[in-house]
Amino acid sequence: MRSIPYLHFENTCREAFAFRQRTSGGELEAMETCGESPMCARMPAESRHVVLHARLRVGTAYPMGPDGPRPADATLRTCVSIVVDPVGEAERIGSGLAEGATVPMPLQATYRAQRRVMLLDRHGQQWMVGAVALPAA
């Protein structure tokens, strides 16, 4: 299992990740816009420049994030992302965290993950749990 900081930005994701790359010396591994994603046809034309997913590699850390909207609560800026294998482990952890939680995105397959759930737990912490392939640490 790997815990990953997932940072949310309000249309400053590209700038924020470029800054973090310069200051950390890390490698920007992904900067995908809505217009570059498989969801492009379903997106309004004015949102196609919005960053859907950014990933920076700094040593063995992989901070990630998008431009808004934030998945659960507009006051939160950081989410904890848990990446596991196999799928059953994502289902187990996601189901456990979902007890008493607000779940804006139930456990489901996405184009990035075999299974992913996004939730705001009963203690007010935002989580993403998924079975997602990442580069080896």
N, C-alpha and C. Protein backbone atom coordinates (compact mmCIF):
# COMPACT_ATOMS: atom_id res chain seq x y z
N MET A 1 0.86 -1.17 0.00
CA MET A 1 0.00 0.00 0.00
C MET A 1 0.90 1.22 0.00
N ARG A 2 0.47 2.24 -0.75
CA ARG A 2 1.21 3.49 -0.82
C ARG A 2 0.24 4.63 -0.54
N SER A 3 0.64 5.54 0.35
CA SER A 3 -0.15 6.73 0.65
C SER A 3 0.41 7.89 -0.16
N ILE A 4 -0.47 8.62 -0.84
CA ILE A 4 -0.05 9.67 -1.76
C ILE A 4 -0.78 10.96 -1.44
N PRO A 5 -0.06 12.08 -1.27
CA PRO A 5 -0.77 13.35 -1.09
C PRO A 5 -1.44 13.74 -2.39
N TYR A 6 -2.71 14.10 -2.31
CA TYR A 6 -3.48 14.51 -3.48
C TYR A 6 -3.93 15.94 -3.23
N LEU A 7 -3.36 16.86 -3.96
CA LEU A 7 -3.53 18.29 -3.73
C LEU A 7 -4.52 18.85 -4.74
N HIS A 8 -5.46 19.67 -4.28
CA HIS A 8 -6.47 20.26 -5.17
C HIS A 8 -6.20 21.74 -5.37
N PHE A 9 -6.34 22.21 -6.60
CA PHE A 9 -6.06 23.59 -6.96
C PHE A 9 -7.25 24.20 -7.67
N GLU A 10 -7.34 25.51 -7.61
CA GLU A 10 -8.40 26.23 -8.31
C GLU A 10 -7.79 26.91 -9.53
N ASN A 11 -7.63 26.12 -10.61
CA ASN A 11 -7.08 26.60 -11.88
C ASN A 11 -5.64 27.07 -11.79
N THR A 12 -4.89 26.55 -10.82
CA THR A 12 -3.46 26.88 -10.71
C THR A 12 -2.62 25.61 -10.63
N CYS A 13 -3.18 24.47 -10.98
CA CYS A 13 -2.48 23.19 -10.87
C CYS A 13 -1.19 23.17 -11.69
N ARG A 14 -1.28 23.60 -12.94
CA ARG A 14 -0.10 23.59 -13.83
C ARG A 14 1.03 24.42 -13.20
N GLU A 15 0.70 25.63 -12.77
CA GLU A 15 1.68 26.53 -12.16
C GLU A 15 2.22 25.94 -10.86
N ALA A 16 1.35 25.38 -10.02
CA ALA A 16 1.76 24.82 -8.74
C ALA A 16 2.70 23.63 -8.92
N PHE A 17 2.39 22.74 -9.86
CA PHE A 17 3.27 21.58 -10.07
C PHE A 17 4.59 21.99 -10.72
N ALA A 18 4.58 22.98 -11.60
CA ALA A 18 5.83 23.48 -12.18
C ALA A 18 6.71 24.07 -11.08
N PHE A 19 6.11 24.81 -10.16
CA PHE A 19 6.86 25.38 -9.03
C PHE A 19 7.44 24.26 -8.17
N ARG A 20 6.63 23.26 -7.85
CA ARG A 20 7.11 22.16 -7.01
C ARG A 20 8.21 21.36 -7.72
N GLN A 21 8.11 21.24 -9.03
CA GLN A 21 9.15 20.55 -9.79
C GLN A 21 10.46 21.33 -9.70
N ARG A 22 10.39 22.64 -9.92
CA ARG A 22 11.60 23.46 -9.85
C ARG A 22 12.23 23.43 -8.46
N THR A 23 11.42 23.54 -7.43
CA THR A 23 11.97 23.63 -6.08
C THR A 23 12.43 22.29 -5.54
N SER A 24 11.83 21.19 -5.99
CA SER A 24 12.20 19.87 -5.47
C SER A 24 13.23 19.16 -6.33
N GLY A 25 13.36 19.58 -7.59
CA GLY A 25 14.21 18.85 -8.52
C GLY A 25 13.59 17.56 -8.99
N GLY A 26 12.29 17.39 -8.73
CA GLY A 26 11.59 16.17 -9.13
C GLY A 26 11.29 16.15 -10.61
N GLU A 27 10.64 15.09 -11.03
CA GLU A 27 10.29 14.90 -12.44
C GLU A 27 8.78 14.95 -12.60
N LEU A 28 8.30 15.86 -13.44
CA LEU A 28 6.88 15.95 -13.73
C LEU A 28 6.53 14.81 -14.68
N GLU A 29 5.83 13.81 -14.17
CA GLU A 29 5.54 12.61 -14.96
C GLU A 29 4.21 12.69 -15.72
N ALA A 30 3.30 13.53 -15.26
CA ALA A 30 2.01 13.63 -15.93
C ALA A 30 1.44 15.03 -15.75
N MET A 31 0.81 15.53 -16.81
CA MET A 31 0.07 16.79 -16.77
C MET A 31 -1.01 16.66 -17.85
N GLU A 32 -2.12 16.04 -17.48
CA GLU A 32 -3.18 15.74 -18.44
C GLU A 32 -4.34 16.71 -18.25
N THR A 33 -4.78 17.30 -19.33
CA THR A 33 -5.94 18.19 -19.28
C THR A 33 -7.21 17.41 -19.58
N CYS A 34 -8.33 18.01 -19.27
CA CYS A 34 -9.62 17.38 -19.60
C CYS A 34 -9.70 17.10 -21.09
N GLY A 35 -9.17 18.04 -21.89
CA GLY A 35 -9.21 17.89 -23.34
C GLY A 35 -8.36 16.74 -23.86
N GLU A 36 -7.39 16.28 -23.08
CA GLU A 36 -6.53 15.17 -23.49
C GLU A 36 -7.03 13.82 -22.97
N SER A 37 -8.06 13.84 -22.16
CA SER A 37 -8.53 12.62 -21.51
C SER A 37 -9.56 11.90 -22.37
N PRO A 38 -9.83 10.63 -22.06
CA PRO A 38 -10.89 9.91 -22.77
C PRO A 38 -12.27 10.53 -22.54
N MET A 39 -12.40 11.42 -21.54
CA MET A 39 -13.67 12.07 -21.24
C MET A 39 -13.87 13.34 -22.05
N CYS A 40 -12.96 13.69 -22.94
CA CYS A 40 -12.97 14.95 -23.67
C CYS A 40 -14.31 15.24 -24.34
N ALA A 41 -14.88 14.27 -24.99
CA ALA A 41 -16.13 14.49 -25.73
C ALA A 41 -17.29 14.87 -24.81
N ARG A 42 -17.20 14.50 -23.53
CA ARG A 42 -18.27 14.81 -22.58
C ARG A 42 -18.02 16.12 -21.84
N MET A 43 -16.89 16.77 -22.09
CA MET A 43 -16.52 17.98 -21.35
C MET A 43 -16.91 19.22 -22.14
N PRO A 44 -17.35 20.29 -21.44
CA PRO A 44 -17.61 21.55 -22.14
C PRO A 44 -16.31 22.09 -22.73
N ALA A 45 -16.38 22.71 -23.88
CA ALA A 45 -15.19 23.22 -24.56
C ALA A 45 -14.37 24.14 -23.67
N GLU A 46 -15.02 24.96 -22.84
CA GLU A 46 -14.28 25.90 -22.00
C GLU A 46 -13.50 25.23 -20.87
N SER A 47 -13.74 23.94 -20.61
CA SER A 47 -13.00 23.27 -19.53
C SER A 47 -11.90 22.35 -20.06
N ARG A 48 -11.69 22.31 -21.33
CA ARG A 48 -10.71 21.36 -21.89
C ARG A 48 -9.27 21.69 -21.51
N HIS A 49 -8.98 22.92 -21.10
CA HIS A 49 -7.63 23.30 -20.68
C HIS A 49 -7.36 22.97 -19.20
N VAL A 50 -8.41 22.64 -18.45
CA VAL A 50 -8.31 22.38 -17.02
C VAL A 50 -7.50 21.11 -16.78
N VAL A 51 -6.58 21.15 -15.81
CA VAL A 51 -5.76 19.99 -15.49
C VAL A 51 -6.60 18.96 -14.74
N LEU A 52 -6.69 17.78 -15.30
CA LEU A 52 -7.43 16.68 -14.71
C LEU A 52 -6.54 15.85 -13.80
N HIS A 53 -5.26 15.74 -14.17
CA HIS A 53 -4.35 14.90 -13.39
C HIS A 53 -2.91 15.36 -13.60
N ALA A 54 -2.23 15.63 -12.50
CA ALA A 54 -0.80 15.92 -12.53
C ALA A 54 -0.10 14.99 -11.55
N ARG A 55 1.10 14.56 -11.89
CA ARG A 55 1.87 13.69 -11.00
C ARG A 55 3.34 14.10 -11.07
N LEU A 56 3.91 14.31 -9.90
CA LEU A 56 5.31 14.68 -9.77
C LEU A 56 6.03 13.56 -9.01
N ARG A 57 7.18 13.15 -9.50
CA ARG A 57 7.98 12.15 -8.78
C ARG A 57 9.13 12.87 -8.11
N VAL A 58 9.17 12.76 -6.79
CA VAL A 58 10.26 13.33 -6.00
C VAL A 58 10.81 12.19 -5.16
N GLY A 59 11.90 11.59 -5.59
CA GLY A 59 12.41 10.40 -4.92
C GLY A 59 11.39 9.28 -5.05
N THR A 60 10.91 8.78 -3.90
CA THR A 60 9.88 7.73 -3.92
C THR A 60 8.49 8.29 -3.64
N ALA A 61 8.36 9.61 -3.57
CA ALA A 61 7.05 10.24 -3.34
C ALA A 61 6.43 10.62 -4.68
N TYR A 62 5.12 10.56 -4.74
CA TYR A 62 4.37 10.88 -5.96
C TYR A 62 3.20 11.82 -5.65
N PRO A 63 3.45 13.08 -5.28
CA PRO A 63 2.30 13.97 -5.09
C PRO A 63 1.54 14.12 -6.40
N MET A 64 0.21 14.13 -6.29
CA MET A 64 -0.65 14.22 -7.45
C MET A 64 -1.75 15.25 -7.20
N GLY A 65 -2.45 15.62 -8.24
CA GLY A 65 -3.58 16.51 -8.05
C GLY A 65 -4.16 17.04 -9.34
N PRO A 66 -5.35 17.66 -9.24
CA PRO A 66 -6.04 18.27 -10.37
C PRO A 66 -6.36 19.73 -10.07
N ASP A 67 -6.90 20.42 -11.07
CA ASP A 67 -7.62 21.65 -10.83
C ASP A 67 -8.99 21.23 -10.32
N GLY A 68 -9.71 22.14 -9.67
CA GLY A 68 -11.03 21.85 -9.11
C GLY A 68 -11.96 21.23 -10.14
N PRO A 69 -13.16 20.83 -9.77
CA PRO A 69 -13.72 21.00 -8.44
C PRO A 69 -13.21 19.94 -7.49
N ARG A 70 -13.17 20.28 -6.24
CA ARG A 70 -12.75 19.32 -5.22
C ARG A 70 -13.84 18.27 -5.07
N PRO A 71 -13.44 17.02 -4.86
CA PRO A 71 -14.43 15.94 -4.86
C PRO A 71 -15.47 15.97 -3.76
N ALA A 72 -15.16 16.47 -2.57
CA ALA A 72 -16.12 16.34 -1.48
C ALA A 72 -16.54 17.68 -0.88
N ASP A 73 -15.64 18.37 -0.25
CA ASP A 73 -15.97 19.57 0.50
C ASP A 73 -15.11 20.71 -0.03
N ALA A 74 -15.74 21.79 -0.47
CA ALA A 74 -15.01 22.90 -1.09
C ALA A 74 -14.02 23.57 -0.16
N THR A 75 -14.07 23.29 1.14
CA THR A 75 -13.11 23.91 2.06
C THR A 75 -11.83 23.10 2.16
N LEU A 76 -11.82 21.87 1.65
CA LEU A 76 -10.63 21.01 1.74
C LEU A 76 -9.71 21.23 0.55
N ARG A 77 -8.42 21.24 0.79
CA ARG A 77 -7.46 21.40 -0.30
C ARG A 77 -6.57 20.17 -0.46
N THR A 78 -6.56 19.28 0.51
CA THR A 78 -5.70 18.11 0.45
C THR A 78 -6.51 16.86 0.74
N CYS A 79 -6.17 15.83 0.04
CA CYS A 79 -6.83 14.55 0.16
C CYS A 79 -5.73 13.50 0.35
N VAL A 80 -6.03 12.43 1.07
CA VAL A 80 -5.10 11.32 1.16
C VAL A 80 -5.54 10.28 0.14
N SER A 81 -4.61 9.90 -0.72
CA SER A 81 -4.89 8.88 -1.72
C SER A 81 -4.15 7.61 -1.31
N ILE A 82 -4.86 6.51 -1.24
CA ILE A 82 -4.28 5.21 -0.90
C ILE A 82 -4.32 4.36 -2.17
N VAL A 83 -3.17 3.86 -2.56
CA VAL A 83 -3.07 3.02 -3.75
C VAL A 83 -2.70 1.62 -3.30
N VAL A 84 -3.52 0.65 -3.70
CA VAL A 84 -3.31 -0.73 -3.26
C VAL A 84 -3.44 -1.69 -4.44
N ASP A 85 -3.05 -2.91 -4.19
CA ASP A 85 -3.20 -4.00 -5.12
C ASP A 85 -3.44 -5.23 -4.24
N PRO A 86 -4.34 -6.06 -4.47
CA PRO A 86 -5.23 -6.18 -5.61
C PRO A 86 -6.51 -5.36 -5.42
N VAL A 87 -7.42 -5.51 -6.38
CA VAL A 87 -8.69 -4.79 -6.36
C VAL A 87 -9.45 -5.04 -5.06
N GLY A 88 -9.44 -6.26 -4.58
CA GLY A 88 -10.16 -6.61 -3.35
C GLY A 88 -9.71 -5.78 -2.16
N GLU A 89 -8.46 -5.42 -2.13
CA GLU A 89 -7.94 -4.60 -1.03
C GLU A 89 -8.51 -3.18 -1.12
N ALA A 90 -8.63 -2.63 -2.31
CA ALA A 90 -9.25 -1.31 -2.49
C ALA A 90 -10.71 -1.36 -2.05
N GLU A 91 -11.39 -2.43 -2.39
CA GLU A 91 -12.79 -2.59 -2.00
C GLU A 91 -12.92 -2.69 -0.48
N ARG A 92 -12.03 -3.44 0.16
CA ARG A 92 -12.07 -3.62 1.62
C ARG A 92 -11.82 -2.30 2.34
N ILE A 93 -10.74 -1.61 1.97
CA ILE A 93 -10.39 -0.36 2.64
C ILE A 93 -11.42 0.72 2.34
N GLY A 94 -11.83 0.82 1.08
CA GLY A 94 -12.82 1.82 0.71
C GLY A 94 -14.14 1.62 1.44
N SER A 95 -14.58 0.38 1.55
CA SER A 95 -15.83 0.09 2.26
C SER A 95 -15.72 0.44 3.73
N GLY A 96 -14.57 0.15 4.33
CA GLY A 96 -14.38 0.48 5.74
C GLY A 96 -14.40 1.98 5.98
N LEU A 97 -13.68 2.75 5.16
CA LEU A 97 -13.65 4.20 5.32
C LEU A 97 -15.00 4.83 5.01
N ALA A 98 -15.83 4.17 4.19
CA ALA A 98 -17.12 4.73 3.79
C ALA A 98 -18.18 4.66 4.89
N GLU A 99 -17.91 3.90 5.96
CA GLU A 99 -18.89 3.80 7.05
C GLU A 99 -19.08 5.18 7.68
N GLY A 100 -20.29 5.71 7.60
CA GLY A 100 -20.60 7.02 8.17
C GLY A 100 -20.05 8.18 7.36
N ALA A 101 -19.60 7.93 6.15
CA ALA A 101 -18.95 8.96 5.33
C ALA A 101 -19.91 9.54 4.30
N THR A 102 -19.51 10.68 3.73
CA THR A 102 -20.16 11.24 2.55
C THR A 102 -19.38 10.70 1.36
N VAL A 103 -20.05 10.06 0.43
CA VAL A 103 -19.37 9.38 -0.68
C VAL A 103 -19.83 9.97 -2.01
N PRO A 104 -19.14 11.03 -2.50
CA PRO A 104 -19.55 11.62 -3.78
C PRO A 104 -19.24 10.73 -4.98
N MET A 105 -18.25 9.84 -4.86
CA MET A 105 -17.95 8.91 -5.95
C MET A 105 -17.84 7.51 -5.37
N PRO A 106 -18.90 6.71 -5.50
CA PRO A 106 -18.86 5.34 -4.97
C PRO A 106 -17.79 4.51 -5.67
N LEU A 107 -17.45 3.41 -5.06
CA LEU A 107 -16.45 2.50 -5.61
C LEU A 107 -16.87 2.08 -7.02
N GLN A 108 -15.98 2.32 -7.99
CA GLN A 108 -16.29 2.01 -9.38
C GLN A 108 -15.00 1.93 -10.20
N ALA A 109 -15.12 1.35 -11.37
CA ALA A 109 -14.00 1.34 -12.32
C ALA A 109 -13.95 2.71 -12.99
N THR A 110 -12.72 3.20 -13.22
CA THR A 110 -12.52 4.44 -13.96
C THR A 110 -11.47 4.17 -15.04
N TYR A 111 -11.24 5.13 -15.90
CA TYR A 111 -10.23 4.90 -16.93
C TYR A 111 -8.83 4.91 -16.33
N ARG A 112 -8.66 5.40 -15.12
CA ARG A 112 -7.36 5.41 -14.45
C ARG A 112 -7.18 4.28 -13.44
N ALA A 113 -8.26 3.65 -13.02
CA ALA A 113 -8.16 2.66 -11.94
C ALA A 113 -9.13 1.51 -12.16
N GLN A 114 -8.72 0.33 -11.70
CA GLN A 114 -9.63 -0.81 -11.75
C GLN A 114 -10.82 -0.55 -10.82
N ARG A 115 -10.55 0.04 -9.67
CA ARG A 115 -11.60 0.46 -8.73
C ARG A 115 -11.09 1.72 -8.03
N ARG A 116 -12.01 2.66 -7.80
CA ARG A 116 -11.67 3.87 -7.05
C ARG A 116 -12.91 4.37 -6.33
N VAL A 117 -12.71 4.85 -5.12
CA VAL A 117 -13.78 5.49 -4.35
C VAL A 117 -13.22 6.82 -3.83
N MET A 118 -14.07 7.86 -3.81
CA MET A 118 -13.70 9.15 -3.22
C MET A 118 -14.72 9.42 -2.13
N LEU A 119 -14.22 9.84 -0.95
CA LEU A 119 -15.14 10.06 0.15
C LEU A 119 -14.60 11.07 1.15
N LEU A 120 -15.50 11.60 1.95
CA LEU A 120 -15.18 12.45 3.09
C LEU A 120 -15.61 11.64 4.30
N ASP A 121 -14.62 11.15 5.09
CA ASP A 121 -14.96 10.23 6.17
C ASP A 121 -15.70 10.94 7.31
N ARG A 122 -16.16 10.15 8.24
CA ARG A 122 -16.98 10.70 9.32
C ARG A 122 -16.20 11.64 10.24
N HIS A 123 -14.87 11.68 10.06
CA HIS A 123 -14.04 12.59 10.85
C HIS A 123 -13.64 13.83 10.06
N GLY A 124 -14.16 13.96 8.83
CA GLY A 124 -13.90 15.15 8.02
C GLY A 124 -12.67 15.08 7.14
N GLN A 125 -12.05 13.90 7.02
CA GLN A 125 -10.87 13.74 6.16
C GLN A 125 -11.29 13.23 4.79
N GLN A 126 -10.75 13.83 3.76
CA GLN A 126 -11.04 13.42 2.39
C GLN A 126 -10.07 12.31 1.98
N TRP A 127 -10.60 11.27 1.32
CA TRP A 127 -9.82 10.10 0.88
C TRP A 127 -10.15 9.73 -0.55
N MET A 128 -9.16 9.16 -1.22
CA MET A 128 -9.36 8.41 -2.47
C MET A 128 -8.66 7.07 -2.24
N VAL A 129 -9.36 6.01 -2.51
CA VAL A 129 -8.77 4.68 -2.37
C VAL A 129 -8.95 3.99 -3.70
N GLY A 130 -7.87 3.42 -4.23
CA GLY A 130 -7.98 2.77 -5.51
C GLY A 130 -6.96 1.71 -5.77
N ALA A 131 -7.32 0.83 -6.66
CA ALA A 131 -6.39 -0.16 -7.21
C ALA A 131 -5.87 0.44 -8.50
N VAL A 132 -4.67 1.00 -8.43
CA VAL A 132 -4.09 1.75 -9.53
C VAL A 132 -2.65 1.30 -9.69
N ALA A 133 -2.22 1.07 -10.90
CA ALA A 133 -0.81 0.73 -11.15
C ALA A 133 0.03 2.00 -11.13
N LEU A 134 1.06 2.03 -10.31
CA LEU A 134 2.02 3.14 -10.26
C LEU A 134 3.41 2.59 -10.52
N PRO A 135 4.32 3.46 -10.95
CA PRO A 135 5.70 3.01 -11.11
C PRO A 135 6.24 2.47 -9.79
N ALA A 136 7.15 1.54 -9.86
CA ALA A 136 7.75 0.98 -8.65
C ALA A 136 8.51 2.06 -7.89
N ALA A 137 8.49 1.95 -6.58
CA ALA A 137 9.18 2.93 -5.72
C ALA A 137 10.69 2.77 -5.82
